Amino acid sequence: MDRRNFLASAGALAALSAASPALAAPKGRAFGIQLWTVAKMLSQDFEKTIAMLAGLGYRELEMYGPYDFSDDRGKASWAAVTPSLGFSGSGFFGHTAAQVKTIMARHGLKVPSLHTDIFTLRDGMGRLAEAAHALGSTYVTLPSLPADMRKTFDDYKRAADVFNKIGADAAHHGVRFGYHNHGYGLMPVDGQIPLRTMLDATDPKTVFLELDVYWNFAGGGDPKEYLTRYKGRYKMVHLKDMKGIHRFDHDGGDSTQWIELFKYLTYLGDGNLDMKGIIKTAEATGVEHFFVEQDRADDLMVAIKGSADFLKKNGFR
């Protein structure tokens, strides 16, 4: 089953919840998970899912929007896709920021990053930053560049201007703006790579980056090369492994191409990407937060436990 249709194993969930190390003081490097991975579980029982993740060893969480304070346009976009997802929960799942922080503290977890939409980042930074401060979050992160902002090469140049404005506004409000690129913009256009052109035109002091290892590779990139090229700017990574070696047939610019590669997703250490090498490079180039993300899985519990076990065997705690 995929991320849109999975049903959690109640027995496993209960057992792992009971093992949650509340207020534990982890030693070594912490690792986290993007909560989209367990979105349906969160919709069913928010705190039990948080406890389960803590029981597996996850110490950091990255949340996804929309939130109650999000721009109405972002909420409308979410409402349009929820019928196909099989769930509608997002943001703080009916809790206040203060309540979420209390729940996280109860289970020894932190929330370094909040994913949110372009409208909220551009027009609602005050509300977003207030929530980030309440949770102790550092990064407010755009999960993807909207399709209408990347139709042409010049669109990528204009996006850089938008990002610079958002980055400056975020800094003014005491948070950091992050950008998570999917698998598009990585193929050359007239000898130039759109993503690089955009990133090179952004301010490294105010625009930070989050690397999605799987989609960067699928789009034609080399995760280690991007980490090295933009040393000090990639502050977060999404870790996921790939069965075999696969690239997009085209430019990676639409969900049809993403879905086609879902079947090769697997948990860390179960695939063919150089996860140890990528992690080593990430550490050497300034990455601060390592988030597991499992877009789909035949058995989600096996996948998120497998990734946690891999990280614990490779220097994380």
C-alpha atoms as a PDB file:
ATOM      1  CA  MET A   1       0.000   0.000   0.000  1.00  0.00           C
ATOM      2  CA  ASP A   2       1.127   3.586  -0.487  1.00  0.00           C
ATOM      3  CA  ARG A   3       1.216   6.622   1.752  1.00  0.00           C
ATOM      4  CA  ARG A   4      -2.280   7.571   0.728  1.00  0.00           C
ATOM      5  CA  ASN A   5      -3.930   4.301   1.693  1.00  0.00           C
ATOM      6  CA  PHE A   6      -1.999   2.619   4.472  1.00  0.00           C
ATOM      7  CA  LEU A   7      -3.592   1.426   7.697  1.00  0.00           C
ATOM      8  CA  ALA A   8      -1.373   1.266  10.747  1.00  0.00           C
ATOM      9  CA  SER A   9      -0.940  -1.938  12.648  1.00  0.00           C
ATOM     10  CA  ALA A  10      -2.740  -1.237  15.921  1.00  0.00           C
ATOM     11  CA  GLY A  11      -0.706  -3.781  17.850  1.00  0.00           C
ATOM     12  CA  ALA A  12       2.647  -2.453  16.653  1.00  0.00           C
ATOM     13  CA  LEU A  13       1.556   1.115  17.214  1.00  0.00           C
ATOM     14  CA  ALA A  14       0.504   0.424  20.794  1.00  0.00           C
ATOM     15  CA  ALA A  15       3.711  -1.456  21.601  1.00  0.00           C
ATOM     16  CA  LEU A  16       5.941   1.251  20.206  1.00  0.00           C
ATOM     17  CA  SER A  17       3.925   3.972  21.912  1.00  0.00           C
ATOM     18  CA  ALA A  18       4.482   2.285  25.246  1.00  0.00           C
ATOM     19  CA  ALA A  19       8.220   2.316  24.574  1.00  0.00           C
ATOM     20  CA  SER A  20       8.318   6.083  23.996  1.00  0.00           C
ATOM     21  CA  PRO A  21      11.317   7.528  25.873  1.00  0.00           C
ATOM     22  CA  ALA A  22       9.603  10.622  27.271  1.00  0.00           C
ATOM     23  CA  LEU A  23      12.003  13.452  28.021  1.00  0.00           C
ATOM     24  CA  ALA A  24      14.975  11.205  27.256  1.00  0.00           C
ATOM     25  CA  ALA A  25      18.274  12.978  26.630  1.00  0.00           C
ATOM     26  CA  PRO A  26      19.515  11.431  23.365  1.00  0.00           C
ATOM     27  CA  LYS A  27      23.253  11.074  22.813  1.00  0.00           C
ATOM     28  CA  GLY A  28      24.962  11.471  19.443  1.00  0.00           C
ATOM     29  CA  ARG A  29      23.371  12.869  16.297  1.00  0.00           C
ATOM     30  CA  ALA A  30      19.603  13.126  16.322  1.00  0.00           C
ATOM     31  CA  PHE A  31      17.569  11.988  13.338  1.00  0.00           C
ATOM     32  CA  GLY A  32      14.023  12.888  12.411  1.00  0.00           C
ATOM     33  CA  ILE A  33      11.109  12.230  10.099  1.00  0.00           C
ATOM     34  CA  GLN A  34       8.888  14.313   7.856  1.00  0.00           C
ATOM     35  CA  LEU A  35       5.392  13.834   9.270  1.00  0.00           C
ATOM     36  CA  TRP A  36       3.827  13.472   5.835  1.00  0.00           C
ATOM     37  CA  THR A  37       5.209   9.931   6.046  1.00  0.00           C
ATOM     38  CA  VAL A  38       2.673   9.079   8.786  1.00  0.00           C
ATOM     39  CA  ALA A  39      -0.070  11.521   7.815  1.00  0.00           C
ATOM     40  CA  LYS A  40      -2.951   9.064   8.059  1.00  0.00           C
ATOM     41  CA  MET A  41      -1.786   7.749  11.414  1.00  0.00           C
ATOM     42  CA  LEU A  42      -1.656  11.313  12.737  1.00  0.00           C
ATOM     43  CA  SER A  43      -5.202  11.921  11.538  1.00  0.00           C
ATOM     44  CA  GLN A  44      -6.344   8.854  13.455  1.00  0.00           C
ATOM     45  CA  ASP A  45      -4.455   9.453  16.726  1.00  0.00           C
ATOM     46  CA  PHE A  46      -1.997  12.332  16.853  1.00  0.00           C
ATOM     47  CA  GLU A  47      -0.240  11.734  20.156  1.00  0.00           C
ATOM     48  CA  LYS A  48      -0.124   7.958  19.868  1.00  0.00           C
ATOM     49  CA  THR A  49       1.656   8.353  16.525  1.00  0.00           C
ATOM     50  CA  ILE A  50       4.103  10.851  18.010  1.00  0.00           C
ATOM     51  CA  ALA A  51       4.806   8.405  20.831  1.00  0.00           C
ATOM     52  CA  MET A  52       5.350   5.596  18.329  1.00  0.00           C
ATOM     53  CA  LEU A  53       7.927   7.639  16.410  1.00  0.00           C
ATOM     54  CA  ALA A  54       9.761   8.478  19.630  1.00  0.00           C
ATOM     55  CA  GLY A  55       9.766   4.799  20.506  1.00  0.00           C
ATOM     56  CA  LEU A  56      11.552   4.046  17.249  1.00  0.00           C
ATOM     57  CA  GLY A  57      14.241   6.585  18.069  1.00  0.00           C
ATOM     58  CA  TYR A  58      13.145   9.603  16.052  1.00  0.00           C
ATOM     59  CA  ARG A  59      14.037  12.815  17.891  1.00  0.00           C
ATOM     60  CA  GLU A  60      13.098  15.506  15.376  1.00  0.00           C
ATOM     61  CA  LEU A  61       9.931  16.076  13.386  1.00  0.00           C
ATOM     62  CA  GLU A  62       9.199  18.186  10.349  1.00  0.00           C
ATOM     63  CA  MET A  63       5.553  19.231  10.100  1.00  0.00           C
ATOM     64  CA  TYR A  64       3.539  20.010   6.972  1.00  0.00           C
ATOM     65  CA  GLY A  65       0.747  22.495   6.287  1.00  0.00           C
ATOM     66  CA  PRO A  66      -1.683  23.956   5.896  1.00  0.00           C
ATOM     67  CA  TYR A  67      -2.109  25.243   9.443  1.00  0.00           C
ATOM     68  CA  ASP A  68      -4.985  27.154  10.939  1.00  0.00           C
ATOM     69  CA  PHE A  69      -3.111  30.418  10.275  1.00  0.00           C
ATOM     70  CA  SER A  70      -2.179  29.510   6.680  1.00  0.00           C
ATOM     71  CA  ASP A  71      -3.181  31.673   3.745  1.00  0.00           C
ATOM     72  CA  ASP A  72      -6.647  30.824   2.423  1.00  0.00           C
ATOM     73  CA  ARG A  73      -5.183  30.023  -0.990  1.00  0.00           C
ATOM     74  CA  GLY A  74      -2.977  27.381   0.560  1.00  0.00           C
ATOM     75  CA  LYS A  75      -5.936  25.916   2.406  1.00  0.00           C
ATOM     76  CA  ALA A  76      -7.968  25.843  -0.801  1.00  0.00           C
ATOM     77  CA  SER A  77      -5.223  23.956  -2.630  1.00  0.00           C
ATOM     78  CA  TRP A  78      -5.098  21.402   0.182  1.00  0.00           C
ATOM     79  CA  ALA A  79      -8.876  20.997   0.209  1.00  0.00           C
ATOM     80  CA  ALA A  80      -8.785  20.245  -3.512  1.00  0.00           C
ATOM     81  CA  VAL A  81      -6.487  17.236  -3.083  1.00  0.00           C
ATOM     82  CA  THR A  82      -7.699  15.719   0.191  1.00  0.00           C
ATOM     83  CA  PRO A  83     -10.518  13.674  -1.391  1.00  0.00           C
ATOM     84  CA  SER A  84      -7.911  11.626  -3.255  1.00  0.00           C
ATOM     85  CA  LEU A  85      -5.666  11.241  -0.212  1.00  0.00           C
ATOM     86  CA  GLY A  86      -8.062   9.456   2.089  1.00  0.00           C
ATOM     87  CA  PHE A  87      -7.364  11.872   4.967  1.00  0.00           C
ATOM     88  CA  SER A  88      -7.528  15.604   5.550  1.00  0.00           C
ATOM     89  CA  GLY A  89      -5.388  16.186   8.636  1.00  0.00           C
ATOM     90  CA  SER A  90      -2.495  18.617   8.449  1.00  0.00           C
ATOM     91  CA  GLY A  91      -0.682  21.291  10.404  1.00  0.00           C
ATOM     92  CA  PHE A  92      -1.248  20.862  14.138  1.00  0.00           C
ATOM     93  CA  PHE A  93      -4.112  18.380  13.667  1.00  0.00           C
ATOM     94  CA  GLY A  94      -6.591  20.365  15.730  1.00  0.00           C
ATOM     95  CA  HIS A  95      -4.114  21.374  18.429  1.00  0.00           C
ATOM     96  CA  THR A  96      -2.645  24.768  19.216  1.00  0.00           C
ATOM     97  CA  ALA A  97       1.074  25.370  18.787  1.00  0.00           C
ATOM     98  CA  ALA A  98       1.447  25.390  22.570  1.00  0.00           C
ATOM     99  CA  GLN A  99      -0.325  22.037  22.864  1.00  0.00           C
ATOM    100  CA  VAL A 100       1.855  20.538  20.140  1.00  0.00           C
ATOM    101  CA  LYS A 101       4.996  21.737  21.918  1.00  0.00           C
ATOM    102  CA  THR A 102       3.778  20.150  25.165  1.00  0.00           C
ATOM    103  CA  ILE A 103       3.129  16.838  23.385  1.00  0.00           C
ATOM    104  CA  MET A 104       6.537  16.926  21.741  1.00  0.00           C
ATOM    105  CA  ALA A 105       8.271  17.702  25.019  1.00  0.00           C
ATOM    106  CA  ARG A 106       6.437  14.833  26.681  1.00  0.00           C
ATOM    107  CA  HIS A 107       8.060  12.459  24.200  1.00  0.00           C
ATOM    108  CA  GLY A 108      11.484  14.080  23.932  1.00  0.00           C
ATOM    109  CA  LEU A 109      10.957  15.507  20.433  1.00  0.00           C
ATOM    110  CA  LYS A 110      11.755  18.787  18.693  1.00  0.00           C
ATOM    111  CA  VAL A 111      10.311  20.420  15.564  1.00  0.00           C
ATOM    112  CA  PRO A 112      13.118  22.185  13.667  1.00  0.00           C
ATOM    113  CA  SER A 113      11.163  22.817  10.466  1.00  0.00           C
ATOM    114  CA  LEU A 114       7.655  23.638   9.259  1.00  0.00           C
ATOM    115  CA  HIS A 115       6.703  22.974   5.634  1.00  0.00           C
ATOM    116  CA  THR A 116       4.203  25.468   4.297  1.00  0.00           C
ATOM    117  CA  ASP A 117       2.851  26.974   1.078  1.00  0.00           C
ATOM    118  CA  ILE A 118       4.213  29.814  -1.031  1.00  0.00           C
ATOM    119  CA  PHE A 119       1.300  32.136  -0.193  1.00  0.00           C
ATOM    120  CA  THR A 120       1.816  31.889   3.558  1.00  0.00           C
ATOM    121  CA  LEU A 121       5.554  32.378   3.144  1.00  0.00           C
ATOM    122  CA  ARG A 122       5.096  35.380   0.890  1.00  0.00           C
ATOM    123  CA  ASP A 123       2.130  37.095   2.541  1.00  0.00           C
ATOM    124  CA  GLY A 124       1.804  35.696   6.062  1.00  0.00           C
ATOM    125  CA  MET A 125       5.299  35.499   7.492  1.00  0.00           C
ATOM    126  CA  GLY A 126       4.279  37.181  10.749  1.00  0.00           C
ATOM    127  CA  ARG A 127       1.760  34.485  11.665  1.00  0.00           C
ATOM    128  CA  LEU A 128       4.054  31.729  10.448  1.00  0.00           C
ATOM    129  CA  ALA A 129       7.027  33.000  12.429  1.00  0.00           C
ATOM    130  CA  GLU A 130       4.884  33.357  15.552  1.00  0.00           C
ATOM    131  CA  ALA A 131       3.950  29.666  15.316  1.00  0.00           C
ATOM    132  CA  ALA A 132       7.552  28.696  14.602  1.00  0.00           C
ATOM    133  CA  HIS A 133       8.760  30.549  17.680  1.00  0.00           C
ATOM    134  CA  ALA A 134       6.063  28.917  19.794  1.00  0.00           C
ATOM    135  CA  LEU A 135       7.300  25.481  18.703  1.00  0.00           C
ATOM    136  CA  GLY A 136      10.981  26.314  18.832  1.00  0.00           C
ATOM    137  CA  SER A 137      11.297  25.837  15.052  1.00  0.00           C
ATOM    138  CA  THR A 138      14.153  27.409  13.101  1.00  0.00           C
ATOM    139  CA  TYR A 139      13.133  26.818   9.473  1.00  0.00           C
ATOM    140  CA  VAL A 140       9.981  27.693   7.541  1.00  0.00           C
ATOM    141  CA  THR A 141      10.260  25.619   4.406  1.00  0.00           C
ATOM    142  CA  LEU A 142       8.690  25.574   0.957  1.00  0.00           C
ATOM    143  CA  PRO A 143       8.206  21.909  -0.051  1.00  0.00           C
ATOM    144  CA  SER A 144       8.043  22.575  -3.793  1.00  0.00           C
ATOM    145  CA  LEU A 145       8.036  25.368  -6.322  1.00  0.00           C
ATOM    146  CA  PRO A 146       4.479  25.692  -7.702  1.00  0.00           C
ATOM    147  CA  ALA A 147       4.149  24.530 -11.310  1.00  0.00           C
ATOM    148  CA  ASP A 148       3.119  27.974 -12.537  1.00  0.00           C
ATOM    149  CA  MET A 149       6.379  29.391 -11.184  1.00  0.00           C
ATOM    150  CA  ARG A 150       8.640  27.044 -13.181  1.00  0.00           C
ATOM    151  CA  LYS A 151       7.195  26.816 -16.687  1.00  0.00           C
ATOM    152  CA  THR A 152      10.168  28.519 -18.345  1.00  0.00           C
ATOM    153  CA  PHE A 153      13.843  29.123 -17.642  1.00  0.00           C
ATOM    154  CA  ASP A 154      13.074  32.767 -16.914  1.00  0.00           C
ATOM    155  CA  ASP A 155      10.515  31.634 -14.327  1.00  0.00           C
ATOM    156  CA  TYR A 156      13.363  30.147 -12.308  1.00  0.00           C
ATOM    157  CA  LYS A 157      15.161  33.506 -12.403  1.00  0.00           C
ATOM    158  CA  ARG A 158      12.018  35.264 -11.184  1.00  0.00           C
ATOM    159  CA  ALA A 159      11.588  32.638  -8.458  1.00  0.00           C
ATOM    160  CA  ALA A 160      15.023  33.592  -7.139  1.00  0.00           C
ATOM    161  CA  ASP A 161      13.797  37.157  -6.650  1.00  0.00           C
ATOM    162  CA  VAL A 162      10.730  35.871  -4.782  1.00  0.00           C
ATOM    163  CA  PHE A 163      12.916  33.669  -2.594  1.00  0.00           C
ATOM    164  CA  ASN A 164      15.231  36.544  -1.742  1.00  0.00           C
ATOM    165  CA  LYS A 165      12.277  38.619  -0.551  1.00  0.00           C
ATOM    166  CA  ILE A 166      10.890  35.733   1.493  1.00  0.00           C
ATOM    167  CA  GLY A 167      14.334  35.024   2.951  1.00  0.00           C
ATOM    168  CA  ALA A 168      14.806  38.632   4.032  1.00  0.00           C
ATOM    169  CA  ASP A 169      11.325  38.723   5.557  1.00  0.00           C
ATOM    170  CA  ALA A 170      11.962  35.469   7.413  1.00  0.00           C
ATOM    171  CA  ALA A 171      15.220  36.841   8.829  1.00  0.00           C
ATOM    172  CA  HIS A 172      13.394  39.991   9.943  1.00  0.00           C
ATOM    173  CA  HIS A 173      10.963  37.782  11.886  1.00  0.00           C
ATOM    174  CA  GLY A 174      13.721  35.696  13.467  1.00  0.00           C
ATOM    175  CA  VAL A 175      13.352  32.497  11.423  1.00  0.00           C
ATOM    176  CA  ARG A 176      15.104  30.989   8.390  1.00  0.00           C
ATOM    177  CA  PHE A 177      13.554  30.332   4.990  1.00  0.00           C
ATOM    178  CA  GLY A 178      14.287  26.916   3.481  1.00  0.00           C
ATOM    179  CA  TYR A 179      13.563  25.546   0.016  1.00  0.00           C
ATOM    180  CA  HIS A 180      13.003  21.846  -0.703  1.00  0.00           C
ATOM    181  CA  ASN A 181      13.363  21.047  -4.382  1.00  0.00           C
ATOM    182  CA  HIS A 182      11.561  18.071  -5.874  1.00  0.00           C
ATOM    183  CA  GLY A 183      12.937  16.382  -9.005  1.00  0.00           C
ATOM    184  CA  TYR A 184      12.502  19.207 -11.518  1.00  0.00           C
ATOM    185  CA  GLY A 185      14.878  21.857 -12.820  1.00  0.00           C
ATOM    186  CA  LEU A 186      17.816  19.454 -12.814  1.00  0.00           C
ATOM    187  CA  MET A 187      18.074  18.782 -16.548  1.00  0.00           C
ATOM    188  CA  PRO A 188      20.005  21.235 -18.756  1.00  0.00           C
ATOM    189  CA  VAL A 189      18.069  23.789 -20.801  1.00  0.00           C
ATOM    190  CA  ASP A 190      20.223  25.310 -23.528  1.00  0.00           C
ATOM    191  CA  GLY A 191      23.283  24.259 -21.587  1.00  0.00           C
ATOM    192  CA  GLN A 192      22.131  25.662 -18.248  1.00  0.00           C
ATOM    193  CA  ILE A 193      20.527  23.881 -15.304  1.00  0.00           C
ATOM    194  CA  PRO A 194      17.466  25.854 -14.121  1.00  0.00           C
ATOM    195  CA  LEU A 195      17.786  24.871 -10.460  1.00  0.00           C
ATOM    196  CA  ARG A 196      21.414  25.949 -10.277  1.00  0.00           C
ATOM    197  CA  THR A 197      20.620  29.223 -12.026  1.00  0.00           C
ATOM    198  CA  MET A 198      17.903  29.900  -9.441  1.00  0.00           C
ATOM    199  CA  LEU A 199      19.981  28.903  -6.423  1.00  0.00           C
ATOM    200  CA  ASP A 200      23.010  30.866  -7.615  1.00  0.00           C
ATOM    201  CA  ALA A 201      20.841  33.994  -7.743  1.00  0.00           C
ATOM    202  CA  THR A 202      19.576  33.646  -4.171  1.00  0.00           C
ATOM    203  CA  ASP A 203      21.189  35.151  -1.095  1.00  0.00           C
ATOM    204  CA  PRO A 204      23.134  32.455   0.785  1.00  0.00           C
ATOM    205  CA  LYS A 205      22.689  34.412   4.008  1.00  0.00           C
ATOM    206  CA  THR A 206      18.881  34.235   3.938  1.00  0.00           C
ATOM    207  CA  VAL A 207      17.847  31.411   1.575  1.00  0.00           C
ATOM    208  CA  PHE A 208      18.679  27.938   2.873  1.00  0.00           C
ATOM    209  CA  LEU A 209      18.108  24.557   1.268  1.00  0.00           C
ATOM    210  CA  GLU A 210      16.708  21.115   1.953  1.00  0.00           C
ATOM    211  CA  LEU A 211      17.927  18.267  -0.261  1.00  0.00           C
ATOM    212  CA  ASP A 212      15.590  15.424  -1.167  1.00  0.00           C
ATOM    213  CA  VAL A 213      18.096  12.666  -1.905  1.00  0.00           C
ATOM    214  CA  TYR A 214      15.726  10.441  -3.897  1.00  0.00           C
ATOM    215  CA  TRP A 215      14.158  13.081  -6.094  1.00  0.00           C
ATOM    216  CA  ASN A 216      17.440  14.882  -6.695  1.00  0.00           C
ATOM    217  CA  PHE A 217      18.893  11.647  -8.030  1.00  0.00           C
ATOM    218  CA  ALA A 218      15.762  10.768 -10.003  1.00  0.00           C
ATOM    219  CA  GLY A 219      15.860  14.178 -11.669  1.00  0.00           C
ATOM    220  CA  GLY A 220      19.394  13.660 -12.920  1.00  0.00           C
ATOM    221  CA  GLY A 221      21.348  15.152 -10.039  1.00  0.00           C
ATOM    222  CA  ASP A 222      24.084  13.795  -7.809  1.00  0.00           C
ATOM    223  CA  PRO A 223      23.141  14.445  -4.161  1.00  0.00           C
ATOM    224  CA  LYS A 224      26.765  14.516  -3.001  1.00  0.00           C
ATOM    225  CA  GLU A 225      27.691  16.977  -5.737  1.00  0.00           C
ATOM    226  CA  TYR A 226      24.839  19.327  -4.828  1.00  0.00           C
ATOM    227  CA  LEU A 227      25.742  19.187  -1.144  1.00  0.00           C
ATOM    228  CA  THR A 228      29.329  20.029  -2.003  1.00  0.00           C
ATOM    229  CA  ARG A 229      28.498  22.708  -4.566  1.00  0.00           C
ATOM    230  CA  TYR A 230      26.246  24.523  -2.090  1.00  0.00           C
ATOM    231  CA  LYS A 231      28.291  23.802   1.013  1.00  0.00           C
ATOM    232  CA  GLY A 232      26.853  25.537   4.049  1.00  0.00           C
ATOM    233  CA  ARG A 233      23.465  26.173   2.425  1.00  0.00           C
ATOM    234  CA  TYR A 234      21.891  22.735   2.647  1.00  0.00           C
ATOM    235  CA  LYS A 235      20.772  22.648   6.278  1.00  0.00           C
ATOM    236  CA  MET A 236      18.310  19.761   5.980  1.00  0.00           C
ATOM    237  CA  VAL A 237      18.009  16.545   3.983  1.00  0.00           C
ATOM    238  CA  HIS A 238      15.186  14.133   3.225  1.00  0.00           C
ATOM    239  CA  LEU A 239      16.562  10.606   3.312  1.00  0.00           C
ATOM    240  CA  LYS A 240      14.982   7.808   1.287  1.00  0.00           C
ATOM    241  CA  ASP A 241      16.474   4.914  -0.662  1.00  0.00           C
ATOM    242  CA  MET A 242      15.872   3.538  -4.168  1.00  0.00           C
ATOM    243  CA  LYS A 243      15.573  -0.058  -5.372  1.00  0.00           C
ATOM    244  CA  GLY A 244      17.813  -0.149  -8.423  1.00  0.00           C
ATOM    245  CA  ILE A 245      18.960   2.962 -10.276  1.00  0.00           C
ATOM    246  CA  HIS A 246      16.220   5.010 -11.936  1.00  0.00           C
ATOM    247  CA  ARG A 247      15.802   8.452 -13.485  1.00  0.00           C
ATOM    248  CA  PHE A 248      12.774  10.329 -14.744  1.00  0.00           C
ATOM    249  CA  ASP A 249      11.942   9.714 -18.400  1.00  0.00           C
ATOM    250  CA  HIS A 250      11.396  13.446 -18.858  1.00  0.00           C
ATOM    251  CA  ASP A 251      12.034  16.573 -16.763  1.00  0.00           C
ATOM    252  CA  GLY A 252      10.458  15.396 -13.501  1.00  0.00           C
ATOM    253  CA  GLY A 253       8.093  18.340 -13.571  1.00  0.00           C
ATOM    254  CA  ASP A 254       4.750  16.683 -12.867  1.00  0.00           C
ATOM    255  CA  SER A 255       3.216  14.243 -10.420  1.00  0.00           C
ATOM    256  CA  THR A 256       2.693  11.566 -13.079  1.00  0.00           C
ATOM    257  CA  GLN A 257       6.454  11.150 -13.325  1.00  0.00           C
ATOM    258  CA  TRP A 258       6.841  11.110  -9.537  1.00  0.00           C
ATOM    259  CA  ILE A 259       4.187   8.435  -9.121  1.00  0.00           C
ATOM    260  CA  GLU A 260       5.919   6.294 -11.734  1.00  0.00           C
ATOM    261  CA  LEU A 261       9.006   6.152  -9.506  1.00  0.00           C
ATOM    262  CA  PHE A 262       7.133   5.559  -6.235  1.00  0.00           C
ATOM    263  CA  LYS A 263       7.437   1.804  -6.784  1.00  0.00           C
ATOM    264  CA  TYR A 264      11.225   1.991  -6.359  1.00  0.00           C
ATOM    265  CA  LEU A 265      11.115   3.776  -2.995  1.00  0.00           C
ATOM    266  CA  THR A 266      12.402   1.814  -0.042  1.00  0.00           C
ATOM    267  CA  TYR A 267      13.778   2.344   3.432  1.00  0.00           C
ATOM    268  CA  LEU A 268      17.373   3.307   4.162  1.00  0.00           C
ATOM    269  CA  GLY A 269      19.897   0.559   3.539  1.00  0.00           C
ATOM    270  CA  ASP A 270      17.433  -1.536   1.540  1.00  0.00           C
ATOM    271  CA  GLY A 271      18.197   0.145  -1.772  1.00  0.00           C
ATOM    272  CA  ASN A 272      21.026   1.100  -4.088  1.00  0.00           C
ATOM    273  CA  LEU A 273      21.743   4.745  -3.329  1.00  0.00           C
ATOM    274  CA  ASP A 274      25.008   5.481  -1.524  1.00  0.00           C
ATOM    275  CA  MET A 275      23.277   6.456   1.696  1.00  0.00           C
ATOM    276  CA  LYS A 276      26.401   6.231   3.860  1.00  0.00           C
ATOM    277  CA  GLY A 277      28.338   8.386   1.416  1.00  0.00           C
ATOM    278  CA  ILE A 278      25.514  10.912   1.116  1.00  0.00           C
ATOM    279  CA  ILE A 279      25.193  11.199   4.886  1.00  0.00           C
ATOM    280  CA  LYS A 280      28.962  11.588   5.273  1.00  0.00           C
ATOM    281  CA  THR A 281      28.983  14.362   2.681  1.00  0.00           C
ATOM    282  CA  ALA A 282      25.959  16.020   4.297  1.00  0.00           C
ATOM    283  CA  GLU A 283      27.705  16.085   7.663  1.00  0.00           C
ATOM    284  CA  ALA A 284      30.876  17.509   6.142  1.00  0.00           C
ATOM    285  CA  THR A 285      29.027  20.292   4.306  1.00  0.00           C
ATOM    286  CA  GLY A 286      26.922  21.681   7.149  1.00  0.00           C
ATOM    287  CA  VAL A 287      23.632  19.768   7.173  1.00  0.00           C
ATOM    288  CA  GLU A 288      21.957  20.134  10.558  1.00  0.00           C
ATOM    289  CA  HIS A 289      18.822  17.992  10.282  1.00  0.00           C
ATOM    290  CA  PHE A 290      18.318  14.535   8.786  1.00  0.00           C
ATOM    291  CA  PHE A 291      14.670  13.647   8.090  1.00  0.00           C
ATOM    292  CA  VAL A 292      13.495  10.252   6.909  1.00  0.00           C
ATOM    293  CA  GLU A 293      10.664  10.553   4.404  1.00  0.00           C
ATOM    294  CA  GLN A 294       8.784   7.555   3.032  1.00  0.00           C
ATOM    295  CA  ASP A 295       6.463   8.650   0.221  1.00  0.00           C
ATOM    296  CA  ARG A 296       5.038   5.148  -0.023  1.00  0.00           C
ATOM    297  CA  ALA A 297       5.757   1.690   1.342  1.00  0.00           C
ATOM    298  CA  ASP A 298       4.401  -1.837   1.068  1.00  0.00           C
ATOM    299  CA  ASP A 299       4.548  -1.962   4.870  1.00  0.00           C
ATOM    300  CA  LEU A 300       4.968   1.458   6.428  1.00  0.00           C
ATOM    301  CA  MET A 301       5.867   0.217   9.902  1.00  0.00           C
ATOM    302  CA  VAL A 302       8.626  -1.978   8.495  1.00  0.00           C
ATOM    303  CA  ALA A 303       9.911   0.966   6.446  1.00  0.00           C
ATOM    304  CA  ILE A 304      10.078   3.594   9.166  1.00  0.00           C
ATOM    305  CA  LYS A 305      11.584   1.115  11.627  1.00  0.00           C
ATOM    306  CA  GLY A 306      14.078  -0.046   9.005  1.00  0.00           C
ATOM    307  CA  SER A 307      15.235   3.497   8.328  1.00  0.00           C
ATOM    308  CA  ALA A 308      15.530   4.234  12.045  1.00  0.00           C
ATOM    309  CA  ASP A 309      17.562   1.070  12.588  1.00  0.00           C
ATOM    310  CA  PHE A 310      19.871   1.959   9.689  1.00  0.00           C
ATOM    311  CA  LEU A 311      20.577   5.410  11.116  1.00  0.00           C
ATOM    312  CA  LYS A 312      21.182   4.061  14.617  1.00  0.00           C
ATOM    313  CA  LYS A 313      23.718   1.618  13.168  1.00  0.00           C
ATOM    314  CA  ASN A 314      25.465   4.481  11.382  1.00  0.00           C
ATOM    315  CA  GLY A 315      26.252   6.976  14.105  1.00  0.00           C
ATOM    316  CA  PHE A 316      22.826   8.392  14.941  1.00  0.00           C
ATOM    317  CA  ARG A 317      21.065   8.045  18.300  1.00  0.00           C
END
